Amino acid sequence: MPARRVVIVGYGMAGSRLAEEIRRRDRAGERASVTVIGAEPHPAYNRVLLSAVVAGTMTPESVRLHDADWASQNGIDLRLGVTVTAIDRAARTISLSDGSTVDYDALVLATGSKAWVPPAEGLQLEDGSLAPGVATFRDLDDCAAILGHARPGAPVVVLGGGLLGLEAARGLAGRGSLVTVVHPVGHLMERQLDPAGGGVLAKTLGALGIEFRLGRFAARYVPGDGLKLDDGSHVPADLVVVSAGVRADTALAESIGLTVDRGVVVDDSLRTSDHRIHAIGDCAAHPGTVSGLVQPAWEQAEVLADLLTGVDPAARYKGTPVVTRLKAKGVDLAALGDVHADIDGDAEVLCLQDPVRGRYAKLVIRDDRVTGAIVLGAPDAAATITQLYDAKTPAPTDRLGLLLGRALSSGGAVAHSPADLPAASVVCRCNTVTKGQLVKAWRAGAATVPELAAVTRATTGCGGCTDAVCGIVDWLARA
């Protein structure tokens, strides 16, 4: 029986992971032949770590997900630097920009998302390209453009006070740039934080040299001068970094008549309105998750690999409860679940605010379970609360102690060290790697963090679990 022809359009974090997962289930390629089409000329890389590239703590080479020979070693037909020009759904044929065609039995759209540029005068030229001195923050080429313009002691404006904008701002400030963040909302990271938490975060980042203009829009950009804001004020800038949000890249899906609603609409089998075409990652719209984060994309890749190879025909994607972490040097922030809840009939909401020391914690509990939290400047509390959130276990009766990171759970002590951590506890959320899996891999010979990463993939997502994995390695080495 010939292998099914699976074509993946997109070689970003979602598309590359899907190709990996298919080969993990079908090493010999007997169930599925895989073709991957990537518009960028680079091997796949971890977009989540681009802020570290801007900060100078990682190189472009160190964030790569694959080596140059990965495709040939895994029997993958990888085509880089080409785009899809047309799809014939009836003939199941894809036309590419290099003049070639590819036939498919199953097509997967993993086209990701594109940076959104606000409609401020001067940011873009008449042809839609960015004006001189303006850069988006979305891919490796963007990082190169940013670092090519940024200079120590020179003013930089970052448009956008969301997660990526703040990571870019922190990285540039660490390089000596004079950074001002312009954000249209009255507090930072409004999707993940409440106004009080956003205020403490602004104060914390302000102590690191970053200035803020909140509740303001960019009105006009003059190259080499800076930005005029909607209140008439002026912010000098040799460089403007646009990180004002992203939009799902649905142009290809729309061109062939698929159902689109702020993303390519998919069901629990990740099928589009054409059941031979699937979508995953940032371009997909599923009611159980939010876009822009790596964990949902990688969980979707696992489900779809099960389905496309026939390893588990019952596999379904039901959504991902996400934990957002700000990856900025000197700032420890985690936000999860419903953080905007107020006290009502069924919600218990506790807050602890200590702006002088850069700490803020908010805890939302329903039916004795953690359903939302913001934890800034308290890593021990963040680790404990995340454990409870993941496991859906009862919260400690000592709520204040929980916010301070020293509470006891209803069943005993909450883990503060690898020795106390239950084997089933998820250490790497991006890859759903438990402490038990890490211990098993270590006992099988993976005795360093890089070796554990190669075996389990822990630390290869957002990088937020690196300290925990290092702690487990140290604990195992001493045991």
Protein backbone atom coordinates (compact mmCIF):
# COMPACT_ATOMS: atom_id res chain seq x y z
CA MET A 1 0.00 0.00 0.00
CA PRO A 2 1.54 3.35 -1.01
CA ALA A 3 2.16 5.93 1.70
CA ARG A 4 -0.23 8.86 1.94
CA ARG A 5 1.15 12.07 0.51
CA VAL A 6 1.16 14.68 3.29
CA VAL A 7 2.12 18.22 2.34
CA ILE A 8 2.79 20.79 5.06
CA VAL A 9 2.71 24.45 4.01
CA GLY A 10 4.83 26.30 6.55
CA TYR A 11 8.17 25.42 8.14
CA GLY A 12 7.79 27.38 11.33
CA MET A 13 7.35 25.99 14.83
CA ALA A 14 4.04 24.27 14.06
CA GLY A 15 4.91 22.85 10.64
CA SER A 16 8.35 21.61 11.63
CA ARG A 17 6.98 19.97 14.76
CA LEU A 18 4.27 18.20 12.78
CA ALA A 19 6.87 16.77 10.40
CA GLU A 20 8.88 15.56 13.42
CA GLU A 21 5.85 13.98 15.05
CA ILE A 22 4.88 12.16 11.86
CA ARG A 23 8.37 10.69 11.59
CA ARG A 24 8.37 9.73 15.27
CA ARG A 25 5.33 7.57 14.53
CA ASP A 26 6.38 6.45 11.07
CA ARG A 27 10.17 6.26 11.02
CA ALA A 28 10.38 4.35 7.74
CA GLY A 29 7.89 6.53 5.90
CA GLU A 30 5.61 3.59 5.16
CA ARG A 31 2.44 5.38 6.30
CA ALA A 32 3.14 8.93 5.13
CA SER A 33 5.48 10.63 2.70
CA VAL A 34 6.07 14.19 3.89
CA THR A 35 6.77 17.34 1.90
CA VAL A 36 7.36 20.59 3.77
CA ILE A 37 7.22 23.97 2.04
CA GLY A 38 8.94 26.89 3.75
CA ALA A 39 8.93 30.48 2.55
CA GLU A 40 12.01 31.44 4.57
CA PRO A 41 15.47 30.28 3.45
CA HIS A 42 16.48 29.21 6.98
CA PRO A 43 16.12 25.88 8.75
CA ALA A 44 13.27 25.93 11.28
CA TYR A 45 13.98 28.00 14.38
CA ASN A 46 12.35 28.80 17.70
CA ARG A 47 10.53 32.12 17.34
CA VAL A 48 9.87 32.20 21.08
CA LEU A 49 13.59 32.76 21.68
CA LEU A 50 14.01 35.66 19.26
CA SER A 51 13.96 38.08 22.18
CA ALA A 52 17.14 36.38 23.42
CA VAL A 53 18.71 36.97 19.99
CA VAL A 54 17.84 40.67 20.24
CA ALA A 55 19.21 40.74 23.79
CA GLY A 56 22.46 39.12 22.63
CA THR A 57 22.19 36.16 25.00
CA MET A 58 21.63 33.72 22.11
CA THR A 59 22.84 33.59 18.51
CA PRO A 60 20.64 32.92 15.48
CA GLU A 61 22.31 29.54 15.12
CA SER A 62 21.51 28.55 18.71
CA VAL A 63 17.74 28.98 18.26
CA ARG A 64 17.53 26.61 15.30
CA LEU A 65 15.22 23.64 15.74
CA HIS A 66 16.83 21.59 12.96
CA ASP A 67 20.27 21.12 11.48
CA ALA A 68 20.75 21.62 7.77
CA ASP A 69 20.69 17.86 7.11
CA TRP A 70 17.63 17.10 9.25
CA ALA A 71 15.28 16.65 6.30
CA SER A 72 17.55 14.27 4.38
CA GLN A 73 18.19 12.19 7.49
CA ASN A 74 14.46 11.81 8.10
CA GLY A 75 13.22 11.24 4.58
CA ILE A 76 11.49 14.63 4.37
CA ASP A 77 11.16 16.50 1.09
CA LEU A 78 11.97 20.01 2.35
CA ARG A 79 11.64 22.93 -0.03
CA LEU A 80 12.93 26.24 1.31
CA GLY A 81 12.57 29.73 -0.07
CA VAL A 82 9.44 28.91 -2.07
CA THR A 83 5.80 29.86 -1.64
CA VAL A 84 2.49 28.39 -2.71
CA THR A 85 0.99 30.21 -5.69
CA ALA A 86 -2.15 28.10 -6.19
CA ILE A 87 -4.03 25.09 -4.82
CA ASP A 88 -6.34 22.97 -6.96
CA ARG A 89 -8.61 21.32 -4.40
CA ALA A 90 -10.32 19.10 -6.98
CA ALA A 91 -7.07 17.72 -8.41
CA ARG A 92 -5.32 17.96 -5.01
CA THR A 93 -2.33 19.72 -6.56
CA ILE A 94 -0.22 22.59 -5.23
CA SER A 95 1.67 25.00 -7.49
CA LEU A 96 4.85 26.60 -6.13
CA SER A 97 6.70 29.82 -6.91
CA ASP A 98 9.63 27.93 -8.42
CA GLY A 99 7.35 26.48 -11.09
CA SER A 100 7.07 23.01 -9.59
CA THR A 101 3.91 21.22 -8.43
CA VAL A 102 3.22 18.84 -5.56
CA ASP A 103 0.33 16.40 -5.25
CA TYR A 104 -1.28 15.70 -1.89
CA ASP A 105 -3.64 13.32 -0.19
CA ALA A 106 -3.67 15.44 2.98
CA LEU A 107 -2.71 19.11 3.09
CA VAL A 108 -1.79 20.94 6.29
CA LEU A 109 -1.75 24.73 6.52
CA ALA A 110 0.79 25.91 9.07
CA THR A 111 1.21 29.39 7.65
CA GLY A 112 1.42 31.09 11.04
CA SER A 113 0.76 34.78 11.47
CA LYS A 114 2.09 38.12 10.31
CA ALA A 115 3.03 41.23 12.22
CA TRP A 116 0.36 43.92 12.19
CA VAL A 117 1.55 47.47 11.50
CA PRO A 118 -0.68 50.24 12.93
CA PRO A 119 -2.05 52.71 10.37
CA ALA A 120 0.15 55.56 11.56
CA GLU A 121 1.36 57.95 8.89
CA GLY A 122 4.90 57.26 7.73
CA LEU A 123 5.43 53.77 9.13
CA GLN A 124 4.97 52.22 5.70
CA LEU A 125 5.85 53.38 2.22
CA GLU A 126 3.33 53.55 -0.61
CA ASP A 127 4.17 50.01 -1.73
CA GLY A 128 3.43 48.67 1.75
CA SER A 129 7.04 48.10 2.74
CA LEU A 130 8.38 49.46 6.01
CA ALA A 131 9.87 52.93 6.07
CA PRO A 132 13.60 53.34 6.79
CA GLY A 133 14.24 52.97 10.50
CA VAL A 134 11.13 50.83 11.08
CA ALA A 135 11.27 47.10 11.81
CA THR A 136 8.73 44.51 12.85
CA PHE A 137 9.64 41.83 15.41
CA ARG A 138 8.55 38.49 14.03
CA ASP A 139 11.38 36.50 12.44
CA LEU A 140 15.16 36.13 12.20
CA ASP A 141 15.41 38.70 9.43
CA ASP A 142 13.57 41.16 11.70
CA CYS A 143 16.14 40.51 14.43
CA ALA A 144 18.95 41.26 11.99
CA ALA A 145 17.25 44.50 10.95
CA ILE A 146 16.72 45.57 14.57
CA LEU A 147 20.30 44.86 15.58
CA GLY A 148 21.56 46.57 12.45
CA HIS A 149 19.85 49.83 13.47
CA ALA A 150 20.04 49.82 17.27
CA ARG A 151 22.95 51.65 18.88
CA PRO A 152 23.93 52.01 22.56
CA GLY A 153 22.75 55.36 23.86
CA ALA A 154 20.43 55.96 20.91
CA PRO A 155 16.64 56.32 21.31
CA VAL A 156 14.39 53.43 20.28
CA VAL A 157 10.60 53.29 20.35
CA VAL A 158 8.79 49.98 20.70
CA LEU A 159 5.19 50.13 19.52
CA GLY A 160 3.27 47.67 21.66
CA GLY A 161 3.31 46.79 25.34
CA GLY A 162 2.30 43.17 24.95
CA LEU A 163 4.44 40.11 25.60
CA LEU A 164 6.71 40.33 22.55
CA GLY A 165 7.01 44.10 22.67
CA LEU A 166 8.21 44.04 26.26
CA GLU A 167 10.67 41.25 25.53
CA ALA A 168 12.09 43.29 22.64
CA ALA A 169 12.21 46.41 24.83
CA ARG A 170 14.06 44.60 27.61
CA GLY A 171 16.55 43.11 25.19
CA LEU A 172 17.31 46.45 23.58
CA ALA A 173 17.59 48.20 26.95
CA GLY A 174 20.07 45.51 27.97
CA ARG A 175 22.15 46.48 24.93
CA GLY A 176 22.21 50.11 26.05
CA SER A 177 19.44 51.57 23.87
CA LEU A 178 17.21 54.27 25.36
CA VAL A 179 13.85 52.53 25.01
CA THR A 180 10.37 54.02 25.16
CA VAL A 181 7.35 51.73 24.88
CA VAL A 182 4.22 53.28 23.34
CA HIS A 183 1.07 51.30 24.12
CA PRO A 184 -2.55 52.23 23.29
CA VAL A 185 -4.00 50.67 26.45
CA GLY A 186 -3.68 52.14 29.93
CA HIS A 187 -1.65 49.20 31.28
CA LEU A 188 0.81 46.65 29.94
CA MET A 189 -0.04 43.15 28.71
CA GLU A 190 -3.77 43.74 29.04
CA ARG A 191 -4.59 40.25 27.72
CA GLN A 192 -2.69 38.60 30.55
CA LEU A 193 -2.63 41.20 33.33
CA ASP A 194 -5.10 43.35 35.23
CA PRO A 195 -4.40 47.09 35.66
CA ALA A 196 -2.71 46.65 39.05
CA GLY A 197 -0.40 43.91 37.77
CA GLY A 198 0.37 45.94 34.67
CA GLY A 199 1.26 48.90 36.85
CA VAL A 200 3.72 46.93 38.96
CA LEU A 201 5.28 45.46 35.82
CA ALA A 202 5.74 48.96 34.36
CA LYS A 203 7.45 50.08 37.55
CA THR A 204 9.72 47.02 37.50
CA LEU A 205 10.72 47.57 33.88
CA GLY A 206 11.08 51.30 34.51
CA ALA A 207 13.79 50.52 37.06
CA LEU A 208 15.65 48.78 34.22
CA GLY A 209 15.67 51.95 32.13
CA ILE A 210 12.53 51.53 30.01
CA GLU A 211 10.10 54.45 29.72
CA PHE A 212 6.41 54.16 28.90
CA ARG A 213 3.77 56.19 27.15
CA LEU A 214 0.56 54.36 28.00
CA GLY A 215 -2.87 55.04 26.56
CA ARG A 216 -1.28 56.69 23.53
CA PHE A 217 -1.31 55.96 19.79
CA ALA A 218 1.38 56.65 17.21
CA ALA A 219 0.09 59.34 14.84
CA ARG A 220 3.02 60.08 12.54
CA TYR A 221 6.55 58.81 12.00
CA VAL A 222 9.38 60.89 10.57
CA PRO A 223 12.51 58.86 9.65
CA GLY A 224 15.50 59.92 11.69
CA ASP A 225 13.36 62.02 14.01
CA GLY A 226 10.79 59.92 15.79
CA LEU A 227 7.11 59.58 16.51
CA LYS A 228 4.38 62.12 17.00
CA LEU A 229 1.69 60.69 19.29
CA ASP A 230 -2.06 61.28 19.24
CA ASP A 231 -1.82 63.81 22.07
CA GLY A 232 0.59 65.95 20.07
CA SER A 233 3.67 64.94 22.04
CA HIS A 234 6.88 63.73 20.40
CA VAL A 235 9.10 60.73 21.18
CA PRO A 236 12.58 60.73 19.57
CA ALA A 237 13.61 57.51 17.84
CA ASP A 238 16.43 56.38 15.59
CA LEU A 239 14.57 53.07 15.34
CA VAL A 240 10.92 52.09 15.70
CA VAL A 241 10.23 48.43 16.50
CA VAL A 242 6.65 47.46 15.72
CA SER A 243 5.27 44.74 18.00
CA ALA A 244 1.62 45.74 18.01
CA GLY A 245 0.14 42.30 17.56
CA VAL A 246 -0.19 39.71 14.83
CA ARG A 247 -2.86 38.55 12.44
CA ALA A 248 -3.35 34.96 11.35
CA ASP A 249 -2.00 34.42 7.83
CA THR A 250 -5.18 33.21 6.17
CA ALA A 251 -4.62 34.57 2.65
CA LEU A 252 -3.96 31.14 1.15
CA ALA A 253 -6.97 29.60 2.91
CA GLU A 254 -9.24 32.42 1.77
CA SER A 255 -7.99 32.13 -1.80
CA ILE A 256 -9.31 28.55 -2.01
CA GLY A 257 -12.60 29.21 -0.24
CA LEU A 258 -11.99 27.72 3.20
CA THR A 259 -14.01 29.02 6.15
CA VAL A 260 -12.09 31.77 7.95
CA ASP A 261 -12.99 33.66 11.11
CA ARG A 262 -9.90 35.46 12.46
CA GLY A 263 -8.12 32.23 11.54
CA VAL A 264 -8.74 29.10 9.50
CA VAL A 265 -11.65 27.46 11.33
CA VAL A 266 -10.87 23.89 12.43
CA ASP A 267 -12.69 21.18 14.39
CA ASP A 268 -11.29 18.86 17.07
CA SER A 269 -9.65 16.77 14.31
CA LEU A 270 -8.01 20.01 13.11
CA ARG A 271 -9.90 19.71 9.82
CA THR A 272 -10.93 22.79 7.89
CA SER A 273 -14.16 23.10 5.91
CA ASP A 274 -12.39 20.88 3.33
CA HIS A 275 -11.74 17.68 5.25
CA ARG A 276 -8.64 16.87 3.22
CA ILE A 277 -7.10 20.11 4.44
CA HIS A 278 -6.04 20.71 8.04
CA ALA A 279 -4.66 23.75 9.85
CA ILE A 280 -2.53 24.08 12.98
CA GLY A 281 -0.69 26.78 14.89
CA ASP A 282 -1.21 30.52 14.68
CA CYS A 283 -3.19 30.37 11.44
CA ALA A 284 -5.81 28.01 12.92
CA ALA A 285 -8.90 29.09 14.85
CA HIS A 286 -10.02 26.53 17.45
CA PRO A 287 -12.33 27.53 20.32
CA GLY A 288 -10.22 25.76 22.93
CA THR A 289 -7.10 27.89 22.79
CA VAL A 290 -5.49 31.21 21.92
CA SER A 291 -3.02 31.88 19.13
CA GLY A 292 0.51 33.17 19.43
CA LEU A 293 1.82 30.57 21.90
CA VAL A 294 3.91 27.51 21.19
CA GLN A 295 2.27 24.97 23.51
CA PRO A 296 -1.08 24.80 21.65
CA ALA A 297 0.68 24.47 18.28
CA TRP A 298 2.81 21.57 19.47
CA GLU A 299 -0.10 19.79 21.10
CA GLN A 300 -2.04 20.19 17.86
CA ALA A 301 0.91 18.71 15.96
CA GLU A 302 0.82 15.60 18.15
CA VAL A 303 -2.90 15.07 17.60
CA LEU A 304 -2.67 15.60 13.85
CA ALA A 305 0.33 13.27 13.54
CA ASP A 306 -1.70 10.56 15.27
CA LEU A 307 -4.51 11.08 12.76
CA LEU A 308 -2.44 11.39 9.60
CA THR A 309 -0.42 8.26 10.34
CA GLY A 310 -3.41 6.31 11.63
CA VAL A 311 -1.60 5.54 14.88
CA ASP A 312 -4.56 6.83 16.90
CA PRO A 313 -7.70 7.53 14.84
CA ALA A 314 -9.49 8.60 18.03
CA ALA A 315 -7.06 11.44 18.77
CA ARG A 316 -8.76 14.81 19.17
CA TYR A 317 -7.60 18.29 20.12
CA LYS A 318 -9.70 19.73 22.94
CA GLY A 319 -7.78 22.93 23.63
CA THR A 320 -4.83 24.02 25.72
CA PRO A 321 -4.91 25.81 29.08
CA VAL A 322 -1.92 28.09 28.64
CA VAL A 323 0.53 29.69 31.02
CA THR A 324 2.16 32.87 29.72
CA ARG A 325 5.66 33.75 30.86
CA LEU A 326 7.52 36.97 30.15
CA LYS A 327 11.05 36.11 29.03
CA ALA A 328 12.89 39.25 30.06
CA LYS A 329 16.10 39.37 32.07
CA GLY A 330 15.48 40.46 35.65
CA VAL A 331 11.70 39.98 35.47
CA ASP A 332 9.86 36.85 36.59
CA LEU A 333 6.22 36.91 35.47
CA ALA A 334 3.67 34.14 34.98
CA ALA A 335 0.00 34.56 34.08
CA LEU A 336 -2.51 31.75 33.64
CA GLY A 337 -6.21 31.13 33.24
CA ASP A 338 -8.87 33.72 34.00
CA VAL A 339 -6.93 36.66 35.43
CA HIS A 340 -9.66 39.27 34.94
CA ALA A 341 -12.19 37.78 37.35
CA ASP A 342 -13.56 39.92 40.14
CA ILE A 343 -15.07 38.72 43.36
CA ASP A 344 -18.51 37.28 42.65
CA GLY A 345 -20.75 34.54 43.90
CA ASP A 346 -18.50 31.65 42.83
CA ALA A 347 -15.02 33.22 42.65
CA GLU A 348 -12.53 33.76 45.43
CA VAL A 349 -10.03 36.46 44.44
CA LEU A 350 -6.95 37.35 46.47
CA CYS A 351 -4.36 40.02 45.65
CA LEU A 352 -0.96 40.91 47.07
CA GLN A 353 0.69 44.11 45.83
CA ASP A 354 4.26 45.15 46.70
CA PRO A 355 5.37 47.55 43.95
CA VAL A 356 8.44 48.77 45.87
CA ARG A 357 9.93 45.28 45.61
CA GLY A 358 8.42 44.58 42.20
CA ARG A 359 5.99 41.95 43.43
CA TYR A 360 2.36 41.42 42.55
CA ALA A 361 0.20 38.33 42.93
CA LYS A 362 -3.43 37.70 42.11
CA LEU A 363 -5.13 34.38 42.65
CA VAL A 364 -8.55 33.31 41.36
CA ILE A 365 -10.10 30.20 42.92
CA ARG A 366 -13.37 28.51 42.03
CA ASP A 367 -14.63 25.31 43.64
CA ASP A 368 -11.37 25.22 45.61
CA ARG A 369 -9.31 25.01 42.37
CA VAL A 370 -6.94 27.59 40.91
CA THR A 371 -8.58 28.95 37.76
CA GLY A 372 -6.44 32.03 37.22
CA ALA A 373 -3.36 33.77 38.55
CA ILE A 374 -0.86 36.55 37.98
CA VAL A 375 2.48 36.14 39.76
CA LEU A 376 5.18 38.79 39.32
CA GLY A 377 8.45 38.74 41.24
CA ALA A 378 7.66 35.56 43.22
CA PRO A 379 9.03 32.53 41.33
CA ASP A 380 8.40 30.07 44.16
CA ALA A 381 4.74 31.04 44.33
CA ALA A 382 4.49 30.86 40.53
CA ALA A 383 5.85 27.33 40.48
CA THR A 384 3.47 26.16 43.20
CA ILE A 385 0.41 27.81 41.68
CA THR A 386 1.22 26.43 38.24
CA GLN A 387 1.47 22.92 39.72
CA LEU A 388 -1.98 23.30 41.25
CA TYR A 389 -3.41 24.75 38.04
CA ASP A 390 -2.03 21.95 35.88
CA ALA A 391 -3.07 19.15 38.20
CA LYS A 392 -6.46 20.71 39.05
CA THR A 393 -5.92 19.66 42.65
CA PRO A 394 -7.48 21.46 45.64
CA ALA A 395 -5.78 24.70 46.64
CA PRO A 396 -4.22 25.02 50.09
CA THR A 397 -6.40 26.43 52.84
CA ASP A 398 -3.62 28.92 53.58
CA ARG A 399 -4.36 31.20 50.62
CA LEU A 400 -1.97 33.94 51.72
CA GLY A 401 0.79 31.39 52.15
CA LEU A 402 0.14 30.19 48.62
CA LEU A 403 0.60 33.72 47.27
CA LEU A 404 3.89 33.92 49.17
CA GLY A 405 5.07 30.57 47.86
CA ARG A 406 5.13 28.79 51.20
CA ALA A 407 1.72 27.16 51.46
CA LEU A 408 0.79 23.55 52.16
CA SER A 409 -1.64 21.77 49.88
CA SER A 410 -4.58 19.87 51.25
CA GLY A 411 -2.63 16.66 50.72
CA GLY A 412 0.73 17.76 52.11
CA ALA A 413 3.62 20.00 51.22
CA VAL A 414 3.70 21.68 47.85
CA ALA A 415 6.98 20.89 46.13
CA HIS A 416 9.76 23.46 46.41
CA SER A 417 12.58 21.17 45.28
CA PRO A 418 12.96 18.39 42.68
CA ALA A 419 12.94 15.81 45.46
CA ASP A 420 9.46 16.90 46.55
CA LEU A 421 8.01 17.27 43.06
CA PRO A 422 5.60 14.43 42.15
CA ALA A 423 6.66 12.28 39.19
CA ALA A 424 3.50 13.25 37.28
CA SER A 425 4.18 17.00 37.59
CA VAL A 426 4.63 18.71 34.22
CA VAL A 427 8.03 20.42 34.13
CA CYS A 428 8.07 21.50 30.47
CA ARG A 429 4.61 22.68 29.50
CA CYS A 430 5.48 23.32 25.87
CA ASN A 431 6.35 19.66 25.33
CA THR A 432 4.29 18.13 28.16
CA VAL A 433 7.37 16.59 29.79
CA THR A 434 6.93 15.37 33.36
CA LYS A 435 9.48 14.99 36.10
CA GLY A 436 9.05 11.22 35.79
CA GLN A 437 9.98 11.30 32.10
CA LEU A 438 13.10 13.33 32.88
CA VAL A 439 14.14 10.93 35.62
CA LYS A 440 13.59 7.96 33.29
CA ALA A 441 15.67 9.57 30.56
CA TRP A 442 18.42 10.42 33.04
CA ARG A 443 18.56 6.86 34.28
CA ALA A 444 18.79 5.70 30.66
CA GLY A 445 21.95 7.75 30.20
CA ALA A 446 20.90 11.34 29.42
CA ALA A 447 22.89 12.94 32.23
CA THR A 448 23.06 16.59 31.11
CA VAL A 449 20.50 19.22 30.24
CA PRO A 450 21.35 19.13 26.48
CA GLU A 451 21.10 15.32 26.51
CA LEU A 452 17.74 15.46 28.29
CA ALA A 453 16.58 18.06 25.77
CA ALA A 454 17.55 15.78 22.90
CA VAL A 455 15.62 12.84 24.37
CA THR A 456 12.55 14.55 25.87
CA ARG A 457 12.52 18.00 24.15
CA ALA A 458 12.32 19.70 27.55
CA THR A 459 13.71 23.29 27.39
CA THR A 460 13.29 23.46 23.58
CA GLY A 461 10.03 25.44 23.67
CA CYS A 462 9.84 28.80 25.41
CA GLY A 463 12.83 28.00 27.62
CA GLY A 464 10.92 28.81 30.79
CA CYS A 465 11.56 25.37 32.29
CA THR A 466 15.35 25.48 31.91
CA ASP A 467 16.02 26.32 35.56
CA ALA A 468 13.69 23.54 36.71
CA VAL A 469 15.38 20.99 34.42
CA CYS A 470 18.81 22.12 35.66
CA GLY A 471 17.59 21.66 39.22
CA ILE A 472 16.38 18.14 38.47
CA VAL A 473 19.73 17.25 36.88
CA ASP A 474 21.61 18.59 39.91
CA TRP A 475 19.31 16.68 42.25
CA LEU A 476 19.74 13.44 40.31
CA ALA A 477 23.52 13.86 40.23
CA ARG A 478 23.57 14.21 44.02
CA ALA A 479 21.10 11.42 44.72
